[in-house]
Amino acid sequence: MCVVRLRGPLKQLAGGEADHPVDGATVVEVLRELERSRPALDGWILDERGLIRRHINVFVNGEQEREDSQVGPDDRIDILPAISGG
């Protein structure tokens, strides 16, 4: 299982837990499983088409990745919502 680390409001939606072990072969499979196991996250990371929302950044082992990127059991996926302000 890879570990998904949530930050900011996503962490709060997931019950305050930052780290979540999740199975999946690609980034999108892992994110779907995360949303399935944590229903409060549903729709916050993936849109209705199953794509990562524009304001969400996904990093696998420190490198920004997209939906079809492969992941392994020792990978760490960081999910960071974009920060805006003025």
PDB file of N, CA and C in Angstrom:
ATOM      1  N   MET A   1       0.841  -1.186   0.000  1.00  0.00           N
ATOM      2  CA  MET A   1       0.000   0.000   0.000  1.00  0.00           C
ATOM      3  C   MET A   1       0.880   1.241   0.000  1.00  0.00           C
ATOM      4  N   CYS A   2       0.508   2.207  -0.808  1.00  0.00           N
ATOM      5  CA  CYS A   2       1.201   3.494  -0.748  1.00  0.00           C
ATOM      6  C   CYS A   2       0.528   4.318   0.351  1.00  0.00           C
ATOM      7  N   VAL A   3       1.181   5.386   0.729  1.00  0.00           N
ATOM      8  CA  VAL A   3       0.631   6.267   1.760  1.00  0.00           C
ATOM      9  C   VAL A   3       0.250   7.590   1.108  1.00  0.00           C
ATOM     10  N   VAL A   4      -0.997   7.998   1.327  1.00  0.00           N
ATOM     11  CA  VAL A   4      -1.489   9.279   0.851  1.00  0.00           C
ATOM     12  C   VAL A   4      -1.480  10.234   2.029  1.00  0.00           C
ATOM     13  N   ARG A   5      -0.838  11.380   1.843  1.00  0.00           N
ATOM     14  CA  ARG A   5      -0.787  12.399   2.895  1.00  0.00           C
ATOM     15  C   ARG A   5      -1.633  13.589   2.463  1.00  0.00           C
ATOM     16  N   LEU A   6      -2.607  13.930   3.298  1.00  0.00           N
ATOM     17  CA  LEU A   6      -3.513  15.046   3.019  1.00  0.00           C
ATOM     18  C   LEU A   6      -3.098  16.265   3.824  1.00  0.00           C
ATOM     19  N   ARG A   7      -3.330  17.430   3.251  1.00  0.00           N
ATOM     20  CA  ARG A   7      -2.999  18.693   3.918  1.00  0.00           C
ATOM     21  C   ARG A   7      -4.215  19.599   3.942  1.00  0.00           C
ATOM     22  N   GLY A   8      -4.150  20.593   4.804  1.00  0.00           N
ATOM     23  CA  GLY A   8      -5.166  21.634   4.858  1.00  0.00           C
ATOM     24  C   GLY A   8      -6.571  21.120   5.086  1.00  0.00           C
ATOM     25  N   PRO A   9      -7.540  21.699   4.374  1.00  0.00           N
ATOM     26  CA  PRO A   9      -8.938  21.322   4.584  1.00  0.00           C
ATOM     27  C   PRO A   9      -9.227  19.865   4.219  1.00  0.00           C
ATOM     28  N   LEU A  10      -8.444  19.280   3.323  1.00  0.00           N
ATOM     29  CA  LEU A  10      -8.659  17.868   2.973  1.00  0.00           C
ATOM     30  C   LEU A  10      -8.374  16.975   4.170  1.00  0.00           C
ATOM     31  N   LYS A  11      -7.360  17.312   4.931  1.00  0.00           N
ATOM     32  CA  LYS A  11      -7.041  16.568   6.151  1.00  0.00           C
ATOM     33  C   LYS A  11      -8.208  16.638   7.128  1.00  0.00           C
ATOM     34  N   GLN A  12      -8.807  17.822   7.263  1.00  0.00           N
ATOM     35  CA  GLN A  12      -9.942  17.984   8.172  1.00  0.00           C
ATOM     36  C   GLN A  12     -11.150  17.171   7.709  1.00  0.00           C
ATOM     37  N   LEU A  13     -11.398  17.153   6.389  1.00  0.00           N
ATOM     38  CA  LEU A  13     -12.508  16.360   5.847  1.00  0.00           C
ATOM     39  C   LEU A  13     -12.316  14.867   6.095  1.00  0.00           C
ATOM     40  N   ALA A  14     -11.063  14.443   6.174  1.00  0.00           N
ATOM     41  CA  ALA A  14     -10.754  13.027   6.393  1.00  0.00           C
ATOM     42  C   ALA A  14     -10.683  12.688   7.880  1.00  0.00           C
ATOM     43  N   GLY A  15     -11.263  13.516   8.705  1.00  0.00           N
ATOM     44  CA  GLY A  15     -11.314  13.233  10.130  1.00  0.00           C
ATOM     45  C   GLY A  15     -10.089  13.675  10.901  1.00  0.00           C
ATOM     46  N   GLY A  16      -9.278  14.551  10.298  1.00  0.00           N
ATOM     47  CA  GLY A  16      -8.097  15.059  10.981  1.00  0.00           C
ATOM     48  C   GLY A  16      -6.860  14.207  10.809  1.00  0.00           C
ATOM     49  N   GLU A  17      -6.994  13.087  10.124  1.00  0.00           N
ATOM     50  CA  GLU A  17      -5.847  12.214   9.881  1.00  0.00           C
ATOM     51  C   GLU A  17      -5.108  12.666   8.631  1.00  0.00           C
ATOM     52  N   ALA A  18      -3.783  12.742   8.717  1.00  0.00           N
ATOM     53  CA  ALA A  18      -2.984  13.178   7.571  1.00  0.00           C
ATOM     54  C   ALA A  18      -2.613  12.010   6.664  1.00  0.00           C
ATOM     55  N   ASP A  19      -2.209  10.873   7.233  1.00  0.00           N
ATOM     56  CA  ASP A  19      -1.690   9.752   6.447  1.00  0.00           C
ATOM     57  C   ASP A  19      -2.711   8.632   6.310  1.00  0.00           C
ATOM     58  N   HIS A  20      -2.858   8.165   5.062  1.00  0.00           N
ATOM     59  CA  HIS A  20      -3.837   7.122   4.754  1.00  0.00           C
ATOM     60  C   HIS A  20      -3.192   6.067   3.860  1.00  0.00           C
ATOM     61  N   PRO A  21      -3.051   4.821   4.328  1.00  0.00           N
ATOM     62  CA  PRO A  21      -2.551   3.764   3.450  1.00  0.00           C
ATOM     63  C   PRO A  21      -3.649   3.348   2.467  1.00  0.00           C
ATOM     64  N   VAL A  22      -3.321   3.335   1.176  1.00  0.00           N
ATOM     65  CA  VAL A  22      -4.323   3.060   0.143  1.00  0.00           C
ATOM     66  C   VAL A  22      -3.699   2.187  -0.945  1.00  0.00           C
ATOM     67  N   ASP A  23      -4.478   1.233  -1.464  1.00  0.00           N
ATOM     68  CA  ASP A  23      -4.046   0.388  -2.582  1.00  0.00           C
ATOM     69  C   ASP A  23      -4.427   1.022  -3.910  1.00  0.00           C
ATOM     70  N   GLY A  24      -3.625   0.747  -4.931  1.00  0.00           N
ATOM     71  CA  GLY A  24      -3.916   1.182  -6.282  1.00  0.00           C
ATOM     72  C   GLY A  24      -2.660   1.147  -7.124  1.00  0.00           C
ATOM     73  N   ALA A  25      -2.835   0.981  -8.440  1.00  0.00           N
ATOM     74  CA  ALA A  25      -1.698   0.896  -9.356  1.00  0.00           C
ATOM     75  C   ALA A  25      -1.380   2.236 -10.018  1.00  0.00           C
ATOM     76  N   THR A  26      -2.370   3.141 -10.060  1.00  0.00           N
ATOM     77  CA  THR A  26      -2.157   4.462 -10.648  1.00  0.00           C
ATOM     78  C   THR A  26      -2.653   5.512  -9.655  1.00  0.00           C
ATOM     79  N   VAL A  27      -2.271   6.746  -9.907  1.00  0.00           N
ATOM     80  CA  VAL A  27      -2.701   7.843  -9.040  1.00  0.00           C
ATOM     81  C   VAL A  27      -4.220   7.884  -8.947  1.00  0.00           C
ATOM     82  N   VAL A  28      -4.918   7.797 -10.071  1.00  0.00           N
ATOM     83  CA  VAL A  28      -6.383   7.906 -10.035  1.00  0.00           C
ATOM     84  C   VAL A  28      -7.019   6.725  -9.295  1.00  0.00           C
ATOM     85  N   GLU A  29      -6.463   5.530  -9.414  1.00  0.00           N
ATOM     86  CA  GLU A  29      -7.003   4.389  -8.666  1.00  0.00           C
ATOM     87  C   GLU A  29      -6.863   4.623  -7.162  1.00  0.00           C
ATOM     88  N   VAL A  30      -5.718   5.134  -6.751  1.00  0.00           N
ATOM     89  CA  VAL A  30      -5.493   5.424  -5.332  1.00  0.00           C
ATOM     90  C   VAL A  30      -6.464   6.500  -4.857  1.00  0.00           C
ATOM     91  N   LEU A  31      -6.637   7.550  -5.646  1.00  0.00           N
ATOM     92  CA  LEU A  31      -7.533   8.634  -5.238  1.00  0.00           C
ATOM     93  C   LEU A  31      -8.987   8.190  -5.186  1.00  0.00           C
ATOM     94  N   ARG A  32      -9.406   7.348  -6.119  1.00  0.00           N
ATOM     95  CA  ARG A  32     -10.781   6.812  -6.073  1.00  0.00           C
ATOM     96  C   ARG A  32     -10.991   5.989  -4.807  1.00  0.00           C
ATOM     97  N   GLU A  33     -10.011   5.151  -4.479  1.00  0.00           N
ATOM     98  CA  GLU A  33     -10.118   4.319  -3.279  1.00  0.00           C
ATOM     99  C   GLU A  33     -10.124   5.191  -2.019  1.00  0.00           C
ATOM    100  N   LEU A  34      -9.312   6.243  -2.016  1.00  0.00           N
ATOM    101  CA  LEU A  34      -9.304   7.160  -0.876  1.00  0.00           C
ATOM    102  C   LEU A  34     -10.672   7.807  -0.709  1.00  0.00           C
ATOM    103  N   GLU A  35     -11.260   8.292  -1.794  1.00  0.00           N
ATOM    104  CA  GLU A  35     -12.590   8.904  -1.710  1.00  0.00           C
ATOM    105  C   GLU A  35     -13.653   7.885  -1.304  1.00  0.00           C
ATOM    106  N   ARG A  36     -13.514   6.647  -1.745  1.00  0.00           N
ATOM    107  CA  ARG A  36     -14.466   5.608  -1.360  1.00  0.00           C
ATOM    108  C   ARG A  36     -14.369   5.311   0.137  1.00  0.00           C
ATOM    109  N   SER A  37     -13.133   5.252   0.654  1.00  0.00           N
ATOM    110  CA  SER A  37     -12.946   4.908   2.068  1.00  0.00           C
ATOM    111  C   SER A  37     -13.197   6.089   3.000  1.00  0.00           C
ATOM    112  N   ARG A  38     -13.119   7.300   2.472  1.00  0.00           N
ATOM    113  CA  ARG A  38     -13.380   8.525   3.237  1.00  0.00           C
ATOM    114  C   ARG A  38     -14.441   9.335   2.498  1.00  0.00           C
ATOM    115  N   PRO A  39     -15.726   8.973   2.665  1.00  0.00           N
ATOM    116  CA  PRO A  39     -16.805   9.594   1.889  1.00  0.00           C
ATOM    117  C   PRO A  39     -16.865  11.122   1.968  1.00  0.00           C
ATOM    118  N   ALA A  40     -16.391  11.719   3.050  1.00  0.00           N
ATOM    119  CA  ALA A  40     -16.424  13.181   3.155  1.00  0.00           C
ATOM    120  C   ALA A  40     -15.513  13.842   2.121  1.00  0.00           C
ATOM    121  N   LEU A  41     -14.539  13.097   1.573  1.00  0.00           N
ATOM    122  CA  LEU A  41     -13.632  13.631   0.546  1.00  0.00           C
ATOM    123  C   LEU A  41     -14.225  13.550  -0.859  1.00  0.00           C
ATOM    124  N   ASP A  42     -15.308  12.801  -1.019  1.00  0.00           N
ATOM    125  CA  ASP A  42     -15.884  12.576  -2.347  1.00  0.00           C
ATOM    126  C   ASP A  42     -16.171  13.894  -3.062  1.00  0.00           C
ATOM    127  N   GLY A  43     -15.572  14.057  -4.242  1.00  0.00           N
ATOM    128  CA  GLY A  43     -15.775  15.252  -5.046  1.00  0.00           C
ATOM    129  C   GLY A  43     -14.813  16.385  -4.756  1.00  0.00           C
ATOM    130  N   TRP A  44     -14.020  16.281  -3.721  1.00  0.00           N
ATOM    131  CA  TRP A  44     -13.073  17.348  -3.378  1.00  0.00           C
ATOM    132  C   TRP A  44     -11.741  17.195  -4.100  1.00  0.00           C
ATOM    133  N   ILE A  45     -11.373  15.969  -4.457  1.00  0.00           N
ATOM    134  CA  ILE A  45     -10.092  15.719  -5.122  1.00  0.00           C
ATOM    135  C   ILE A  45     -10.312  15.415  -6.602  1.00  0.00           C
ATOM    136  N   LEU A  46     -11.244  14.520  -6.887  1.00  0.00           N
ATOM    137  CA  LEU A  46     -11.569  14.149  -8.267  1.00  0.00           C
ATOM    138  C   LEU A  46     -12.881  14.799  -8.674  1.00  0.00           C
ATOM    139  N   ASP A  47     -12.945  15.237  -9.933  1.00  0.00           N
ATOM    140  CA  ASP A  47     -14.195  15.817 -10.433  1.00  0.00           C
ATOM    141  C   ASP A  47     -15.133  14.721 -10.929  1.00  0.00           C
ATOM    142  N   GLU A  48     -16.270  15.114 -11.504  1.00  0.00           N
ATOM    143  CA  GLU A  48     -17.281  14.146 -11.957  1.00  0.00           C
ATOM    144  C   GLU A  48     -16.792  13.279 -13.115  1.00  0.00           C
ATOM    145  N   ARG A  49     -15.719  13.690 -13.789  1.00  0.00           N
ATOM    146  CA  ARG A  49     -15.143  12.886 -14.877  1.00  0.00           C
ATOM    147  C   ARG A  49     -14.052  11.938 -14.378  1.00  0.00           C
ATOM    148  N   GLY A  50     -13.734  12.021 -13.089  1.00  0.00           N
ATOM    149  CA  GLY A  50     -12.682  11.193 -12.521  1.00  0.00           C
ATOM    150  C   GLY A  50     -11.297  11.769 -12.707  1.00  0.00           C
ATOM    151  N   LEU A  51     -11.214  13.060 -13.006  1.00  0.00           N
ATOM    152  CA  LEU A  51      -9.928  13.731 -13.184  1.00  0.00           C
ATOM    153  C   LEU A  51      -9.611  14.566 -11.948  1.00  0.00           C
ATOM    154  N   ILE A  52      -8.321  14.783 -11.705  1.00  0.00           N
ATOM    155  CA  ILE A  52      -7.911  15.599 -10.569  1.00  0.00           C
ATOM    156  C   ILE A  52      -8.383  17.033 -10.801  1.00  0.00           C
ATOM    157  N   ARG A  53      -9.016  17.608  -9.805  1.00  0.00           N
ATOM    158  CA  ARG A  53      -9.509  18.986  -9.915  1.00  0.00           C
ATOM    159  C   ARG A  53      -8.346  19.950 -10.139  1.00  0.00           C
ATOM    160  N   ARG A  54      -8.627  21.042 -10.839  1.00  0.00           N
ATOM    161  CA  ARG A  54      -7.592  22.023 -11.198  1.00  0.00           C
ATOM    162  C   ARG A  54      -6.867  22.595  -9.998  1.00  0.00           C
ATOM    163  N   HIS A  55      -7.558  22.771  -8.900  1.00  0.00           N
ATOM    164  CA  HIS A  55      -6.955  23.401  -7.723  1.00  0.00           C
ATOM    165  C   HIS A  55      -6.258  22.413  -6.789  1.00  0.00           C
ATOM    166  N   ILE A  56      -6.145  21.151  -7.214  1.00  0.00           N
ATOM    167  CA  ILE A  56      -5.486  20.126  -6.408  1.00  0.00           C
ATOM    168  C   ILE A  56      -4.155  19.760  -7.059  1.00  0.00           C
ATOM    169  N   ASN A  57      -3.100  19.724  -6.264  1.00  0.00           N
ATOM    170  CA  ASN A  57      -1.783  19.304  -6.736  1.00  0.00           C
ATOM    171  C   ASN A  57      -1.456  17.948  -6.131  1.00  0.00           C
ATOM    172  N   VAL A  58      -0.997  17.022  -6.979  1.00  0.00           N
ATOM    173  CA  VAL A  58      -0.665  15.674  -6.534  1.00  0.00           C
ATOM    174  C   VAL A  58       0.814  15.421  -6.811  1.00  0.00           C
ATOM    175  N   PHE A  59       1.527  15.021  -5.765  1.00  0.00           N
ATOM    176  CA  PHE A  59       2.951  14.725  -5.875  1.00  0.00           C
ATOM    177  C   PHE A  59       3.191  13.280  -5.449  1.00  0.00           C
ATOM    178  N   VAL A  60       3.950  12.551  -6.255  1.00  0.00           N
ATOM    179  CA  VAL A  60       4.355  11.182  -5.907  1.00  0.00           C
ATOM    180  C   VAL A  60       5.854  11.239  -5.648  1.00  0.00           C
ATOM    181  N   ASN A  61       6.233  10.955  -4.416  1.00  0.00           N
ATOM    182  CA  ASN A  61       7.639  11.011  -4.006  1.00  0.00           C
ATOM    183  C   ASN A  61       8.285  12.340  -4.382  1.00  0.00           C
ATOM    184  N   GLY A  62       7.533  13.424  -4.219  1.00  0.00           N
ATOM    185  CA  GLY A  62       8.055  14.758  -4.449  1.00  0.00           C
ATOM    186  C   GLY A  62       7.955  15.278  -5.873  1.00  0.00           C
ATOM    187  N   GLU A  63       7.468  14.460  -6.816  1.00  0.00           N
ATOM    188  CA  GLU A  63       7.338  14.874  -8.217  1.00  0.00           C
ATOM    189  C   GLU A  63       5.862  15.044  -8.557  1.00  0.00           C
ATOM    190  N   GLN A  64       5.503  16.174  -9.185  1.00  0.00           N
ATOM    191  CA  GLN A  64       4.109  16.385  -9.551  1.00  0.00           C
ATOM    192  C   GLN A  64       3.695  15.383 -10.620  1.00  0.00           C
ATOM    193  N   GLU A  65       2.542  14.754 -10.436  1.00  0.00           N
ATOM    194  CA  GLU A  65       2.063  13.702 -11.327  1.00  0.00           C
ATOM    195  C   GLU A  65       0.609  13.931 -11.708  1.00  0.00           C
ATOM    196  N   ARG A  66       0.155  13.143 -12.699  1.00  0.00           N
ATOM    197  CA  ARG A  66      -1.221  13.191 -13.182  1.00  0.00           C
ATOM    198  C   ARG A  66      -1.924  11.863 -12.896  1.00  0.00           C
ATOM    199  N   GLU A  67      -3.157  11.739 -13.368  1.00  0.00           N
ATOM    200  CA  GLU A  67      -4.015  10.597 -13.071  1.00  0.00           C
ATOM    201  C   GLU A  67      -3.423   9.253 -13.475  1.00  0.00           C
ATOM    202  N   ASP A  68      -2.790   9.189 -14.647  1.00  0.00           N
ATOM    203  CA  ASP A  68      -2.345   7.898 -15.167  1.00  0.00           C
ATOM    204  C   ASP A  68      -0.950   7.486 -14.700  1.00  0.00           C
ATOM    205  N   SER A  69      -0.337   8.265 -13.823  1.00  0.00           N
ATOM    206  CA  SER A  69       0.994   7.929 -13.316  1.00  0.00           C
ATOM    207  C   SER A  69       0.936   6.659 -12.480  1.00  0.00           C
ATOM    208  N   GLN A  70       1.900   5.784 -12.687  1.00  0.00           N
ATOM    209  CA  GLN A  70       1.991   4.532 -11.939  1.00  0.00           C
ATOM    210  C   GLN A  70       2.487   4.798 -10.523  1.00  0.00           C
ATOM    211  N   VAL A  71       1.978   4.020  -9.568  1.00  0.00           N
ATOM    212  CA  VAL A  71       2.448   4.094  -8.182  1.00  0.00           C
ATOM    213  C   VAL A  71       2.710   2.686  -7.671  1.00  0.00           C
ATOM    214  N   GLY A  72       3.605   2.593  -6.716  1.00  0.00           N
ATOM    215  CA  GLY A  72       3.947   1.314  -6.106  1.00  0.00           C
ATOM    216  C   GLY A  72       3.674   1.325  -4.615  1.00  0.00           C
ATOM    217  N   PRO A  73       3.850   0.179  -3.986  1.00  0.00           N
ATOM    218  CA  PRO A  73       3.508   0.056  -2.563  1.00  0.00           C
ATOM    219  C   PRO A  73       4.385   0.889  -1.634  1.00  0.00           C
ATOM    220  N   ASP A  74       5.555   1.298  -2.084  1.00  0.00           N
ATOM    221  CA  ASP A  74       6.445   2.087  -1.229  1.00  0.00           C
ATOM    222  C   ASP A  74       6.384   3.582  -1.527  1.00  0.00           C
ATOM    223  N   ASP A  75       5.470   4.000  -2.394  1.00  0.00           N
ATOM    224  CA  ASP A  75       5.375   5.409  -2.779  1.00  0.00           C
ATOM    225  C   ASP A  75       4.591   6.221  -1.763  1.00  0.00           C
ATOM    226  N   ARG A  76       4.917   7.517  -1.707  1.00  0.00           N
ATOM    227  CA  ARG A  76       4.167   8.462  -0.892  1.00  0.00           C
ATOM    228  C   ARG A  76       3.525   9.469  -1.829  1.00  0.00           C
ATOM    229  N   ILE A  77       2.225   9.665  -1.674  1.00  0.00           N
ATOM    230  CA  ILE A  77       1.468  10.612  -2.490  1.00  0.00           C
ATOM    231  C   ILE A  77       1.013  11.752  -1.584  1.00  0.00           C
ATOM    232  N   ASP A  78       1.428  12.965  -1.931  1.00  0.00           N
ATOM    233  CA  ASP A  78       1.011  14.146  -1.199  1.00  0.00           C
ATOM    234  C   ASP A  78      -0.056  14.875  -1.986  1.00  0.00           C
ATOM    235  N   ILE A  79      -1.176  15.195  -1.340  1.00  0.00           N
ATOM    236  CA  ILE A  79      -2.286  15.919  -1.972  1.00  0.00           C
ATOM    237  C   ILE A  79      -2.339  17.299  -1.337  1.00  0.00           C
ATOM    238  N   LEU A  80      -2.132  18.321  -2.172  1.00  0.00           N
ATOM    239  CA  LEU A  80      -2.095  19.689  -1.678  1.00  0.00           C
ATOM    240  C   LEU A  80      -3.103  20.554  -2.417  1.00  0.00           C
ATOM    241  N   PRO A  81      -4.077  21.108  -1.712  1.00  0.00           N
ATOM    242  CA  PRO A  81      -4.970  22.055  -2.369  1.00  0.00           C
ATOM    243  C   PRO A  81      -4.200  23.354  -2.632  1.00  0.00           C
ATOM    244  N   ALA A  82      -4.495  23.990  -3.749  1.00  0.00           N
ATOM    245  CA  ALA A  82      -3.836  25.250  -4.083  1.00  0.00           C
ATOM    246  C   ALA A  82      -4.228  26.320  -3.059  1.00  0.00           C
ATOM    247  N   ILE A  83      -3.307  27.191  -2.771  1.00  0.00           N
ATOM    248  CA  ILE A  83      -3.533  28.286  -1.838  1.00  0.00           C
ATOM    249  C   ILE A  83      -3.687  29.564  -2.661  1.00  0.00           C
ATOM    250  N   SER A  84      -4.741  30.301  -2.396  1.00  0.00           N
ATOM    251  CA  SER A  84      -4.913  31.559  -3.127  1.00  0.00           C
ATOM    252  C   SER A  84      -5.081  32.680  -2.111  1.00  0.00           C
ATOM    253  N   GLY A  85      -4.897  33.836  -2.572  1.00  0.00           N
ATOM    254  CA  GLY A  85      -5.038  34.996  -1.704  1.00  0.00           C
ATOM    255  C   GLY A  85      -4.491  36.227  -2.389  1.00  0.00           C
ATOM    256  N   GLY A  86      -4.524  37.307  -1.740  1.00  0.00           N
ATOM    257  CA  GLY A  86      -4.049  38.520  -2.383  1.00  0.00           C
ATOM    258  C   GLY A  86      -3.395  39.470  -1.464  1.00  0.00           C
TER     259      GLY A  86
END
